[in-house]
Amino acid sequence: MEYSEIKKLLDDMGNSKVDSLDIEFPDGTKIKMKKNEAKIIEAVAPAMPAVKEVTLPAENKPEEKAVVATENYKEVKSPMVGTFYSAPSPKDAPYVKIGDKVKKGDVLCVVEAMKLMNEIESEFDGEIVEICVKNEDMVEYGTTLFKIK
């Protein structure tokens, strides 16, 4: 699949109300796209083990990441596999932003696992210096969610 065709698909998806799209072509090419993150997985041939994966960043989404020096920060990690949400609902403000002071027990985010919303609380007192995942990202057990100094 050519770059221009991929670009056209991304533009069409961005202008539509569709949240996700999965396409599988007879030649083995597979395309999976989500509104906040687009992943294109292209296999040369179904029998070949070589798979090329390209991740394209979401457009018009400000990232909340700061350049973090290599210091000893305390990390808040995900206790489960699920979907990371930075706010209680899409219309609400995020629980925390970079630079916010937090205390042990403050709610930092929600991880949805099996349709259950699990509040993730700070294990430390300090200041949020980095938010390591984006809203609605899938997280694994042990994924670093926040860095606190």
N, C-alpha and C. Protein backbone atom coordinates (compact mmCIF):
# COMPACT_ATOMS: atom_id res chain seq x y z
N MET A 1 0.85 -1.17 0.00
CA MET A 1 0.00 0.00 0.00
C MET A 1 0.90 1.23 0.00
N GLU A 2 0.63 2.15 -0.85
CA GLU A 2 1.43 3.35 -1.03
C GLU A 2 1.14 4.38 0.06
N TYR A 3 2.12 5.26 0.30
CA TYR A 3 2.00 6.31 1.30
C TYR A 3 0.78 7.19 1.02
N SER A 4 0.56 7.55 -0.23
CA SER A 4 -0.56 8.43 -0.57
C SER A 4 -1.90 7.78 -0.23
N GLU A 5 -1.99 6.46 -0.41
CA GLU A 5 -3.22 5.75 -0.07
C GLU A 5 -3.44 5.72 1.44
N ILE A 6 -2.34 5.51 2.19
CA ILE A 6 -2.42 5.51 3.65
C ILE A 6 -2.84 6.89 4.14
N LYS A 7 -2.23 7.94 3.58
CA LYS A 7 -2.55 9.32 3.95
C LYS A 7 -4.02 9.62 3.68
N LYS A 8 -4.53 9.17 2.55
CA LYS A 8 -5.94 9.38 2.18
C LYS A 8 -6.85 8.68 3.19
N LEU A 9 -6.52 7.44 3.59
CA LEU A 9 -7.31 6.73 4.60
C LEU A 9 -7.33 7.49 5.93
N LEU A 10 -6.15 7.99 6.34
CA LEU A 10 -6.07 8.74 7.60
C LEU A 10 -6.90 10.02 7.54
N ASP A 11 -6.81 10.74 6.43
CA ASP A 11 -7.59 11.96 6.27
C ASP A 11 -9.09 11.66 6.30
N ASP A 12 -9.51 10.62 5.58
CA ASP A 12 -10.92 10.25 5.55
C ASP A 12 -11.41 9.85 6.94
N MET A 13 -10.59 9.11 7.68
CA MET A 13 -10.98 8.68 9.02
C MET A 13 -11.07 9.89 9.95
N GLY A 14 -10.12 10.82 9.81
CA GLY A 14 -10.13 12.01 10.66
C GLY A 14 -11.35 12.88 10.43
N ASN A 15 -11.89 12.88 9.23
CA ASN A 15 -13.05 13.70 8.90
C ASN A 15 -14.37 12.98 9.11
N SER A 16 -14.32 11.72 9.51
CA SER A 16 -15.55 10.95 9.70
C SER A 16 -15.88 10.81 11.19
N LYS A 17 -17.04 10.25 11.46
CA LYS A 17 -17.45 10.00 12.85
C LYS A 17 -17.09 8.59 13.31
N VAL A 18 -16.38 7.86 12.48
CA VAL A 18 -15.96 6.50 12.81
C VAL A 18 -14.83 6.55 13.83
N ASP A 19 -14.93 5.74 14.93
CA ASP A 19 -13.91 5.72 15.96
C ASP A 19 -12.81 4.71 15.69
N SER A 20 -13.15 3.60 15.04
CA SER A 20 -12.12 2.61 14.73
C SER A 20 -12.47 1.92 13.41
N LEU A 21 -11.43 1.36 12.79
CA LEU A 21 -11.59 0.75 11.48
C LEU A 21 -10.60 -0.40 11.35
N ASP A 22 -11.06 -1.57 10.91
CA ASP A 22 -10.20 -2.73 10.65
C ASP A 22 -10.44 -3.17 9.21
N ILE A 23 -9.35 -3.27 8.45
CA ILE A 23 -9.44 -3.71 7.05
C ILE A 23 -8.42 -4.80 6.83
N GLU A 24 -8.83 -5.87 6.13
CA GLU A 24 -7.89 -6.93 5.75
C GLU A 24 -8.05 -7.17 4.26
N PHE A 25 -6.96 -6.98 3.52
CA PHE A 25 -6.97 -7.14 2.08
C PHE A 25 -6.60 -8.57 1.71
N PRO A 26 -7.01 -9.03 0.52
CA PRO A 26 -6.70 -10.41 0.10
C PRO A 26 -5.21 -10.71 0.03
N ASP A 27 -4.37 -9.68 -0.18
CA ASP A 27 -2.92 -9.93 -0.26
C ASP A 27 -2.26 -10.06 1.11
N GLY A 28 -3.05 -10.00 2.18
CA GLY A 28 -2.49 -10.16 3.52
C GLY A 28 -2.25 -8.85 4.25
N THR A 29 -2.42 -7.73 3.58
CA THR A 29 -2.24 -6.43 4.22
C THR A 29 -3.39 -6.19 5.19
N LYS A 30 -3.03 -5.79 6.42
CA LYS A 30 -4.04 -5.50 7.44
C LYS A 30 -3.86 -4.07 7.91
N ILE A 31 -4.96 -3.37 8.10
CA ILE A 31 -4.92 -2.00 8.62
C ILE A 31 -5.92 -1.92 9.77
N LYS A 32 -5.43 -1.45 10.92
CA LYS A 32 -6.28 -1.21 12.09
C LYS A 32 -6.05 0.22 12.50
N MET A 33 -7.12 1.00 12.62
CA MET A 33 -7.00 2.40 12.98
C MET A 33 -8.00 2.74 14.08
N LYS A 34 -7.54 3.56 15.03
CA LYS A 34 -8.41 4.12 16.07
C LYS A 34 -8.28 5.62 15.99
N LYS A 35 -9.31 6.34 16.43
CA LYS A 35 -9.36 7.79 16.29
C LYS A 35 -8.19 8.47 17.01
N ASN A 36 -7.83 8.04 18.23
CA ASN A 36 -6.76 8.71 18.98
C ASN A 36 -5.39 8.21 18.63
N GLU A 37 -5.29 7.07 18.01
CA GLU A 37 -4.00 6.52 17.63
C GLU A 37 -4.24 5.67 16.39
N ALA A 38 -3.43 5.84 15.39
CA ALA A 38 -3.57 5.05 14.17
C ALA A 38 -2.38 4.12 14.07
N LYS A 39 -2.65 2.83 13.96
CA LYS A 39 -1.58 1.85 13.77
C LYS A 39 -1.84 1.19 12.43
N ILE A 40 -0.81 1.09 11.66
CA ILE A 40 -0.92 0.43 10.37
C ILE A 40 0.05 -0.74 10.41
N ILE A 41 -0.50 -1.92 10.24
CA ILE A 41 0.33 -3.12 10.23
C ILE A 41 0.25 -3.67 8.82
N GLU A 42 1.41 -3.78 8.17
CA GLU A 42 1.44 -4.19 6.78
C GLU A 42 2.30 -5.44 6.65
N ALA A 43 1.68 -6.52 6.24
CA ALA A 43 2.43 -7.75 6.01
C ALA A 43 2.65 -7.88 4.51
N VAL A 44 3.87 -8.21 4.12
CA VAL A 44 4.20 -8.32 2.70
C VAL A 44 3.42 -9.46 2.07
N ALA A 45 3.41 -10.60 2.71
CA ALA A 45 2.63 -11.74 2.24
C ALA A 45 2.18 -12.51 3.47
N PRO A 46 1.00 -13.17 3.41
CA PRO A 46 0.49 -13.86 4.59
C PRO A 46 1.44 -14.93 5.13
N ALA A 47 2.22 -15.59 4.28
CA ALA A 47 3.09 -16.67 4.74
C ALA A 47 4.42 -16.15 5.28
N MET A 48 4.75 -14.91 4.98
CA MET A 48 6.05 -14.37 5.40
C MET A 48 5.98 -13.86 6.84
N PRO A 49 7.00 -14.12 7.65
CA PRO A 49 6.98 -13.67 9.03
C PRO A 49 7.28 -12.18 9.20
N ALA A 50 7.79 -11.51 8.16
CA ALA A 50 8.16 -10.10 8.30
C ALA A 50 6.91 -9.24 8.37
N VAL A 51 6.79 -8.46 9.44
CA VAL A 51 5.67 -7.56 9.63
C VAL A 51 6.23 -6.17 9.91
N LYS A 52 5.70 -5.19 9.25
CA LYS A 52 6.15 -3.82 9.43
C LYS A 52 5.06 -3.06 10.18
N GLU A 53 5.41 -2.44 11.30
CA GLU A 53 4.42 -1.70 12.09
C GLU A 53 4.83 -0.24 12.16
N VAL A 54 3.87 0.63 11.83
CA VAL A 54 4.11 2.06 11.87
C VAL A 54 3.05 2.67 12.78
N THR A 55 3.48 3.46 13.77
CA THR A 55 2.53 4.14 14.65
C THR A 55 2.54 5.61 14.30
N LEU A 56 1.35 6.13 14.03
CA LEU A 56 1.22 7.53 13.69
C LEU A 56 0.57 8.25 14.86
N PRO A 57 1.10 9.39 15.30
CA PRO A 57 0.55 10.09 16.46
C PRO A 57 -0.82 10.68 16.14
N ALA A 58 -1.64 10.81 17.18
CA ALA A 58 -2.95 11.43 17.03
C ALA A 58 -2.75 12.91 16.72
N GLU A 59 -3.60 13.45 15.87
CA GLU A 59 -3.48 14.85 15.50
C GLU A 59 -4.34 15.69 16.43
N ASN A 60 -3.94 16.94 16.61
CA ASN A 60 -4.67 17.91 17.42
C ASN A 60 -4.84 17.48 18.86
N LYS A 61 -3.97 16.68 19.39
CA LYS A 61 -4.02 16.26 20.79
C LYS A 61 -2.76 16.78 21.46
N PRO A 62 -2.88 17.72 22.40
CA PRO A 62 -1.68 18.19 23.09
C PRO A 62 -1.14 17.10 24.00
N GLU A 63 0.16 16.90 23.94
CA GLU A 63 0.78 15.89 24.80
C GLU A 63 1.22 16.54 26.09
N GLU A 64 1.01 15.84 27.19
CA GLU A 64 1.41 16.35 28.49
C GLU A 64 2.67 15.63 28.93
N LYS A 65 3.77 15.93 28.27
CA LYS A 65 5.03 15.34 28.64
C LYS A 65 6.05 16.44 28.79
N ALA A 66 6.85 16.34 29.79
CA ALA A 66 7.93 17.30 29.99
C ALA A 66 9.24 16.57 29.76
N VAL A 67 10.26 17.31 29.41
CA VAL A 67 11.57 16.70 29.28
C VAL A 67 12.06 16.43 30.69
N VAL A 68 12.33 15.17 30.98
CA VAL A 68 12.69 14.77 32.32
C VAL A 68 14.15 14.37 32.36
N ALA A 69 14.90 15.01 33.24
CA ALA A 69 16.31 14.66 33.39
C ALA A 69 16.41 13.31 34.07
N THR A 70 17.56 12.69 33.97
CA THR A 70 17.72 11.37 34.57
C THR A 70 18.00 11.51 36.06
N GLU A 71 16.94 11.66 36.81
CA GLU A 71 17.02 11.73 38.27
C GLU A 71 16.25 10.55 38.83
N ASN A 72 16.35 10.37 40.11
CA ASN A 72 15.63 9.27 40.75
C ASN A 72 14.23 9.74 41.12
N TYR A 73 13.28 9.46 40.24
CA TYR A 73 11.90 9.79 40.50
C TYR A 73 11.18 8.54 41.00
N LYS A 74 10.13 8.77 41.77
CA LYS A 74 9.28 7.67 42.20
C LYS A 74 8.26 7.44 41.09
N GLU A 75 8.02 6.19 40.77
CA GLU A 75 7.11 5.86 39.68
C GLU A 75 5.82 5.25 40.23
N VAL A 76 4.69 5.67 39.67
CA VAL A 76 3.41 5.05 39.95
C VAL A 76 3.13 4.14 38.76
N LYS A 77 3.01 2.85 39.03
CA LYS A 77 2.83 1.87 37.96
C LYS A 77 1.42 1.31 37.98
N SER A 78 0.99 0.84 36.83
CA SER A 78 -0.34 0.25 36.72
C SER A 78 -0.39 -1.10 37.43
N PRO A 79 -1.36 -1.28 38.30
CA PRO A 79 -1.49 -2.56 39.01
C PRO A 79 -2.23 -3.62 38.19
N MET A 80 -2.64 -3.26 36.96
CA MET A 80 -3.44 -4.19 36.15
C MET A 80 -3.36 -3.83 34.67
N VAL A 81 -3.87 -4.72 33.86
CA VAL A 81 -4.01 -4.47 32.43
C VAL A 81 -5.34 -3.77 32.22
N GLY A 82 -5.35 -2.73 31.40
CA GLY A 82 -6.61 -2.04 31.14
C GLY A 82 -6.40 -0.80 30.31
N THR A 83 -7.42 0.07 30.32
CA THR A 83 -7.39 1.32 29.57
C THR A 83 -7.20 2.48 30.54
N PHE A 84 -6.21 3.33 30.27
CA PHE A 84 -5.88 4.48 31.12
C PHE A 84 -6.80 5.65 30.79
N TYR A 85 -7.40 6.23 31.81
CA TYR A 85 -8.19 7.45 31.66
C TYR A 85 -7.67 8.50 32.63
N SER A 86 -7.36 9.70 32.12
CA SER A 86 -6.80 10.75 32.95
C SER A 86 -7.86 11.54 33.71
N ALA A 87 -9.13 11.36 33.36
CA ALA A 87 -10.22 12.11 34.00
C ALA A 87 -11.38 11.16 34.30
N PRO A 88 -12.26 11.55 35.24
CA PRO A 88 -13.39 10.69 35.57
C PRO A 88 -14.39 10.52 34.42
N SER A 89 -14.50 11.52 33.54
CA SER A 89 -15.34 11.42 32.35
C SER A 89 -14.73 12.31 31.27
N PRO A 90 -15.12 12.10 30.02
CA PRO A 90 -14.52 12.90 28.93
C PRO A 90 -14.72 14.40 29.08
N LYS A 91 -15.79 14.83 29.76
CA LYS A 91 -16.07 16.26 29.90
C LYS A 91 -15.33 16.88 31.08
N ASP A 92 -14.83 16.08 32.01
CA ASP A 92 -14.17 16.59 33.20
C ASP A 92 -12.70 16.87 32.95
N ALA A 93 -12.14 17.72 33.81
CA ALA A 93 -10.70 18.01 33.76
C ALA A 93 -9.93 16.79 34.25
N PRO A 94 -8.68 16.64 33.83
CA PRO A 94 -7.88 15.50 34.31
C PRO A 94 -7.67 15.58 35.82
N TYR A 95 -7.48 14.41 36.43
CA TYR A 95 -7.23 14.37 37.87
C TYR A 95 -5.98 15.17 38.21
N VAL A 96 -4.90 15.00 37.44
CA VAL A 96 -3.65 15.71 37.71
C VAL A 96 -3.00 16.16 36.40
N LYS A 97 -2.17 17.20 36.52
CA LYS A 97 -1.39 17.70 35.39
C LYS A 97 0.07 17.75 35.84
N ILE A 98 0.97 17.93 34.89
CA ILE A 98 2.38 18.08 35.22
C ILE A 98 2.52 19.33 36.08
N GLY A 99 3.26 19.18 37.17
CA GLY A 99 3.49 20.29 38.10
C GLY A 99 2.56 20.28 39.30
N ASP A 100 1.49 19.46 39.26
CA ASP A 100 0.57 19.38 40.40
C ASP A 100 1.24 18.71 41.58
N LYS A 101 0.95 19.22 42.78
CA LYS A 101 1.42 18.60 44.02
C LYS A 101 0.38 17.55 44.42
N VAL A 102 0.85 16.35 44.77
CA VAL A 102 -0.05 15.28 45.19
C VAL A 102 0.41 14.73 46.54
N LYS A 103 -0.56 14.15 47.23
CA LYS A 103 -0.27 13.50 48.51
C LYS A 103 -0.62 12.03 48.39
N LYS A 104 -0.04 11.25 49.25
CA LYS A 104 -0.33 9.82 49.26
C LYS A 104 -1.84 9.64 49.43
N GLY A 105 -2.43 8.83 48.53
CA GLY A 105 -3.86 8.57 48.58
C GLY A 105 -4.68 9.40 47.61
N ASP A 106 -4.09 10.45 47.01
CA ASP A 106 -4.81 11.24 46.01
C ASP A 106 -5.04 10.41 44.75
N VAL A 107 -6.21 10.54 44.14
CA VAL A 107 -6.52 9.82 42.90
C VAL A 107 -5.77 10.49 41.75
N LEU A 108 -5.02 9.70 40.98
CA LEU A 108 -4.25 10.21 39.86
C LEU A 108 -4.92 9.94 38.52
N CYS A 109 -5.61 8.79 38.42
CA CYS A 109 -6.22 8.40 37.15
C CYS A 109 -7.17 7.23 37.41
N VAL A 110 -7.74 6.73 36.33
CA VAL A 110 -8.59 5.55 36.38
C VAL A 110 -8.05 4.56 35.35
N VAL A 111 -8.02 3.27 35.72
CA VAL A 111 -7.70 2.22 34.77
C VAL A 111 -8.94 1.32 34.68
N GLU A 112 -9.50 1.24 33.47
CA GLU A 112 -10.68 0.40 33.26
C GLU A 112 -10.23 -1.01 32.92
N ALA A 113 -10.72 -1.96 33.69
CA ALA A 113 -10.41 -3.37 33.43
C ALA A 113 -11.71 -4.16 33.54
N MET A 114 -12.06 -4.82 32.49
CA MET A 114 -13.27 -5.65 32.45
C MET A 114 -14.51 -4.85 32.87
N LYS A 115 -14.64 -3.66 32.30
CA LYS A 115 -15.77 -2.75 32.52
C LYS A 115 -15.84 -2.20 33.95
N LEU A 116 -14.79 -2.39 34.74
CA LEU A 116 -14.72 -1.82 36.08
C LEU A 116 -13.73 -0.67 36.07
N MET A 117 -14.14 0.46 36.64
CA MET A 117 -13.28 1.63 36.72
C MET A 117 -12.51 1.57 38.04
N ASN A 118 -11.20 1.45 37.97
CA ASN A 118 -10.35 1.33 39.15
C ASN A 118 -9.55 2.61 39.33
N GLU A 119 -9.81 3.32 40.45
CA GLU A 119 -9.07 4.55 40.73
C GLU A 119 -7.65 4.18 41.16
N ILE A 120 -6.66 4.83 40.55
CA ILE A 120 -5.26 4.61 40.91
C ILE A 120 -4.84 5.79 41.78
N GLU A 121 -4.40 5.48 42.99
CA GLU A 121 -4.03 6.51 43.95
C GLU A 121 -2.51 6.64 44.03
N SER A 122 -2.08 7.83 44.42
CA SER A 122 -0.66 8.09 44.58
C SER A 122 -0.13 7.30 45.78
N GLU A 123 1.03 6.72 45.60
CA GLU A 123 1.68 5.99 46.69
C GLU A 123 2.67 6.88 47.41
N PHE A 124 2.85 8.12 46.89
CA PHE A 124 3.87 9.01 47.42
C PHE A 124 3.34 10.44 47.52
N ASP A 125 3.99 11.27 48.35
CA ASP A 125 3.80 12.71 48.35
C ASP A 125 4.80 13.28 47.37
N GLY A 126 4.43 14.33 46.65
CA GLY A 126 5.39 14.94 45.74
C GLY A 126 4.72 15.74 44.64
N GLU A 127 5.48 15.94 43.57
CA GLU A 127 5.03 16.73 42.42
C GLU A 127 5.08 15.87 41.16
N ILE A 128 4.02 15.93 40.36
CA ILE A 128 3.96 15.19 39.09
C ILE A 128 4.96 15.83 38.13
N VAL A 129 5.96 15.06 37.68
CA VAL A 129 6.93 15.59 36.72
C VAL A 129 6.74 15.00 35.33
N GLU A 130 6.06 13.86 35.24
CA GLU A 130 5.82 13.29 33.92
C GLU A 130 4.57 12.41 33.96
N ILE A 131 3.74 12.54 32.92
CA ILE A 131 2.63 11.63 32.70
C ILE A 131 3.07 10.76 31.54
N CYS A 132 3.28 9.49 31.81
CA CYS A 132 3.99 8.60 30.87
C CYS A 132 3.08 7.97 29.82
N VAL A 133 1.77 8.06 29.97
CA VAL A 133 0.85 7.49 28.98
C VAL A 133 -0.19 8.54 28.59
N LYS A 134 -0.78 8.36 27.43
CA LYS A 134 -1.81 9.27 26.95
C LYS A 134 -3.18 8.73 27.34
N ASN A 135 -4.14 9.64 27.39
CA ASN A 135 -5.51 9.26 27.71
C ASN A 135 -6.01 8.20 26.72
N GLU A 136 -6.66 7.19 27.24
CA GLU A 136 -7.26 6.07 26.50
C GLU A 136 -6.23 5.09 25.94
N ASP A 137 -4.97 5.18 26.40
CA ASP A 137 -3.97 4.19 26.01
C ASP A 137 -4.22 2.89 26.75
N MET A 138 -3.89 1.78 26.11
CA MET A 138 -3.90 0.48 26.78
C MET A 138 -2.63 0.39 27.61
N VAL A 139 -2.76 -0.06 28.86
CA VAL A 139 -1.59 -0.23 29.72
C VAL A 139 -1.52 -1.67 30.19
N GLU A 140 -0.31 -2.12 30.41
CA GLU A 140 -0.05 -3.47 30.90
C GLU A 140 0.23 -3.40 32.39
N TYR A 141 0.24 -4.53 33.05
CA TYR A 141 0.64 -4.60 34.45
C TYR A 141 2.08 -4.11 34.55
N GLY A 142 2.33 -3.17 35.45
CA GLY A 142 3.68 -2.66 35.67
C GLY A 142 4.08 -1.50 34.77
N THR A 143 3.20 -1.05 33.88
CA THR A 143 3.50 0.10 33.04
C THR A 143 3.60 1.34 33.92
N THR A 144 4.66 2.14 33.73
CA THR A 144 4.80 3.37 34.49
C THR A 144 3.77 4.39 33.98
N LEU A 145 2.92 4.87 34.89
CA LEU A 145 1.89 5.84 34.54
C LEU A 145 2.35 7.26 34.82
N PHE A 146 2.98 7.47 35.99
CA PHE A 146 3.40 8.79 36.42
C PHE A 146 4.79 8.73 37.04
N LYS A 147 5.52 9.85 36.94
CA LYS A 147 6.77 10.00 37.68
C LYS A 147 6.58 11.18 38.64
N ILE A 148 6.95 10.95 39.89
CA ILE A 148 6.75 11.94 40.95
C ILE A 148 8.09 12.25 41.59
N LYS A 149 8.36 13.55 41.83
CA LYS A 149 9.60 13.88 42.55
C LYS A 149 9.28 14.44 43.91
